Amino acid sequence: MKLRVKLFATLRNGRFDIKDMELPDECKVLDLIKLLKIDQKDAAIIFINGIHGDFDSLLKENDEVSIFPPVGGG
């Protein structure tokens, strides 16, 4: 299946901002995170097509997945 992945903030370092990817059917967000070599603790906020998702969310054809690191600041 084809989908678009958007990485934000520090997750972009050494990776990409936006990338169209092809993955096997029946992939979950956790499979994508592992494929991208992102530590689970670094993928704190996940959106699928603008709706909050989690590591167990099943991905579908043409999904847009946005992954954010933990939010910090002061």
C-alpha atoms as a PDB file:
ATOM      1  CA  MET A   1       0.000   0.000   0.000  1.00  0.00           C
ATOM      2  CA  LYS A   2       1.096   3.577  -0.575  1.00  0.00           C
ATOM      3  CA  LEU A   3       1.005   6.252   2.090  1.00  0.00           C
ATOM      4  CA  ARG A   4       2.560   9.602   2.925  1.00  0.00           C
ATOM      5  CA  VAL A   5       4.660  10.050   6.048  1.00  0.00           C
ATOM      6  CA  LYS A   6       5.400  13.424   7.645  1.00  0.00           C
ATOM      7  CA  LEU A   7       8.040  13.757  10.343  1.00  0.00           C
ATOM      8  CA  PHE A   8       8.320  16.778  12.598  1.00  0.00           C
ATOM      9  CA  ALA A   9      10.968  18.567  14.665  1.00  0.00           C
ATOM     10  CA  THR A  10      13.868  16.368  15.799  1.00  0.00           C
ATOM     11  CA  LEU A  11      12.471  13.287  14.032  1.00  0.00           C
ATOM     12  CA  ARG A  12      13.526  14.902  10.752  1.00  0.00           C
ATOM     13  CA  ASN A  13      17.216  14.863  11.691  1.00  0.00           C
ATOM     14  CA  GLY A  14      18.956  12.474   9.309  1.00  0.00           C
ATOM     15  CA  ARG A  15      15.623  11.392   7.815  1.00  0.00           C
ATOM     16  CA  PHE A  16      13.140  13.474   5.816  1.00  0.00           C
ATOM     17  CA  ASP A  17      10.282  15.964   6.167  1.00  0.00           C
ATOM     18  CA  ILE A  18       7.707  14.315   3.901  1.00  0.00           C
ATOM     19  CA  LYS A  19       8.031  11.033   2.062  1.00  0.00           C
ATOM     20  CA  ASP A  20       5.712   8.859   0.002  1.00  0.00           C
ATOM     21  CA  MET A  21       6.279   5.236   1.003  1.00  0.00           C
ATOM     22  CA  GLU A  22       5.086   1.820  -0.012  1.00  0.00           C
ATOM     23  CA  LEU A  23       4.452  -0.718   2.755  1.00  0.00           C
ATOM     24  CA  PRO A  24       2.956  -4.207   2.878  1.00  0.00           C
ATOM     25  CA  ASP A  25      -0.771  -4.461   3.606  1.00  0.00           C
ATOM     26  CA  GLU A  26      -1.820  -4.948   7.228  1.00  0.00           C
ATOM     27  CA  CYS A  27       0.959  -2.692   8.598  1.00  0.00           C
ATOM     28  CA  LYS A  28       0.441  -0.895  11.872  1.00  0.00           C
ATOM     29  CA  VAL A  29       1.967   2.398  12.962  1.00  0.00           C
ATOM     30  CA  LEU A  30       4.476   0.492  15.108  1.00  0.00           C
ATOM     31  CA  ASP A  31       5.712  -1.353  11.989  1.00  0.00           C
ATOM     32  CA  LEU A  32       6.274   2.008  10.296  1.00  0.00           C
ATOM     33  CA  ILE A  33       8.078   3.417  13.355  1.00  0.00           C
ATOM     34  CA  LYS A  34      10.422   0.425  13.411  1.00  0.00           C
ATOM     35  CA  LEU A  35      11.037   0.665   9.654  1.00  0.00           C
ATOM     36  CA  LEU A  36      12.044   4.308  10.083  1.00  0.00           C
ATOM     37  CA  LYS A  37      14.340   3.361  12.999  1.00  0.00           C
ATOM     38  CA  ILE A  38      12.547   5.718  15.371  1.00  0.00           C
ATOM     39  CA  ASP A  39      12.570   4.755  19.047  1.00  0.00           C
ATOM     40  CA  GLN A  40       9.019   4.344  20.365  1.00  0.00           C
ATOM     41  CA  LYS A  41       9.611   6.884  23.133  1.00  0.00           C
ATOM     42  CA  ASP A  42      10.543   9.436  20.447  1.00  0.00           C
ATOM     43  CA  ALA A  43       7.243   8.999  18.568  1.00  0.00           C
ATOM     44  CA  ALA A  44       5.019  10.611  21.173  1.00  0.00           C
ATOM     45  CA  ILE A  45       2.222  12.036  19.010  1.00  0.00           C
ATOM     46  CA  ILE A  46       0.772  10.266  15.965  1.00  0.00           C
ATOM     47  CA  PHE A  47      -1.924  11.461  13.596  1.00  0.00           C
ATOM     48  CA  ILE A  48      -3.453   9.440  10.774  1.00  0.00           C
ATOM     49  CA  ASN A  49      -5.319  11.625   8.288  1.00  0.00           C
ATOM     50  CA  GLY A  50      -5.496  14.340  10.957  1.00  0.00           C
ATOM     51  CA  ILE A  51      -6.993  12.043  13.622  1.00  0.00           C
ATOM     52  CA  HIS A  52      -5.081  10.908  16.702  1.00  0.00           C
ATOM     53  CA  GLY A  53      -3.639   7.408  16.310  1.00  0.00           C
ATOM     54  CA  ASP A  54      -1.445   5.049  18.291  1.00  0.00           C
ATOM     55  CA  PHE A  55       1.115   2.292  17.709  1.00  0.00           C
ATOM     56  CA  ASP A  56      -1.606  -0.323  17.133  1.00  0.00           C
ATOM     57  CA  SER A  57      -3.499   1.706  14.526  1.00  0.00           C
ATOM     58  CA  LEU A  58      -3.821  -0.215  11.256  1.00  0.00           C
ATOM     59  CA  LEU A  59      -2.672   1.739   8.204  1.00  0.00           C
ATOM     60  CA  LYS A  60      -4.629   1.851   4.950  1.00  0.00           C
ATOM     61  CA  GLU A  61      -3.941   2.797   1.340  1.00  0.00           C
ATOM     62  CA  ASN A  62      -3.360   6.549   0.875  1.00  0.00           C
ATOM     63  CA  ASP A  63      -3.184   7.327   4.606  1.00  0.00           C
ATOM     64  CA  GLU A  64      -1.191  10.358   5.697  1.00  0.00           C
ATOM     65  CA  VAL A  65       0.763   9.640   8.887  1.00  0.00           C
ATOM     66  CA  SER A  66       2.231  12.513  10.914  1.00  0.00           C
ATOM     67  CA  ILE A  67       4.706  11.675  13.682  1.00  0.00           C
ATOM     68  CA  PHE A  68       5.814  14.156  16.354  1.00  0.00           C
ATOM     69  CA  PRO A  69       8.410  13.842  19.130  1.00  0.00           C
ATOM     70  CA  PRO A  70       7.489  14.640  22.751  1.00  0.00           C
ATOM     71  CA  VAL A  71       6.557  18.279  23.208  1.00  0.00           C
ATOM     72  CA  GLY A  72       8.746  20.267  25.544  1.00  0.00           C
ATOM     73  CA  GLY A  73       9.277  23.846  26.418  1.00  0.00           C
ATOM     74  CA  GLY A  74       8.876  26.290  29.136  1.00  0.00           C
END
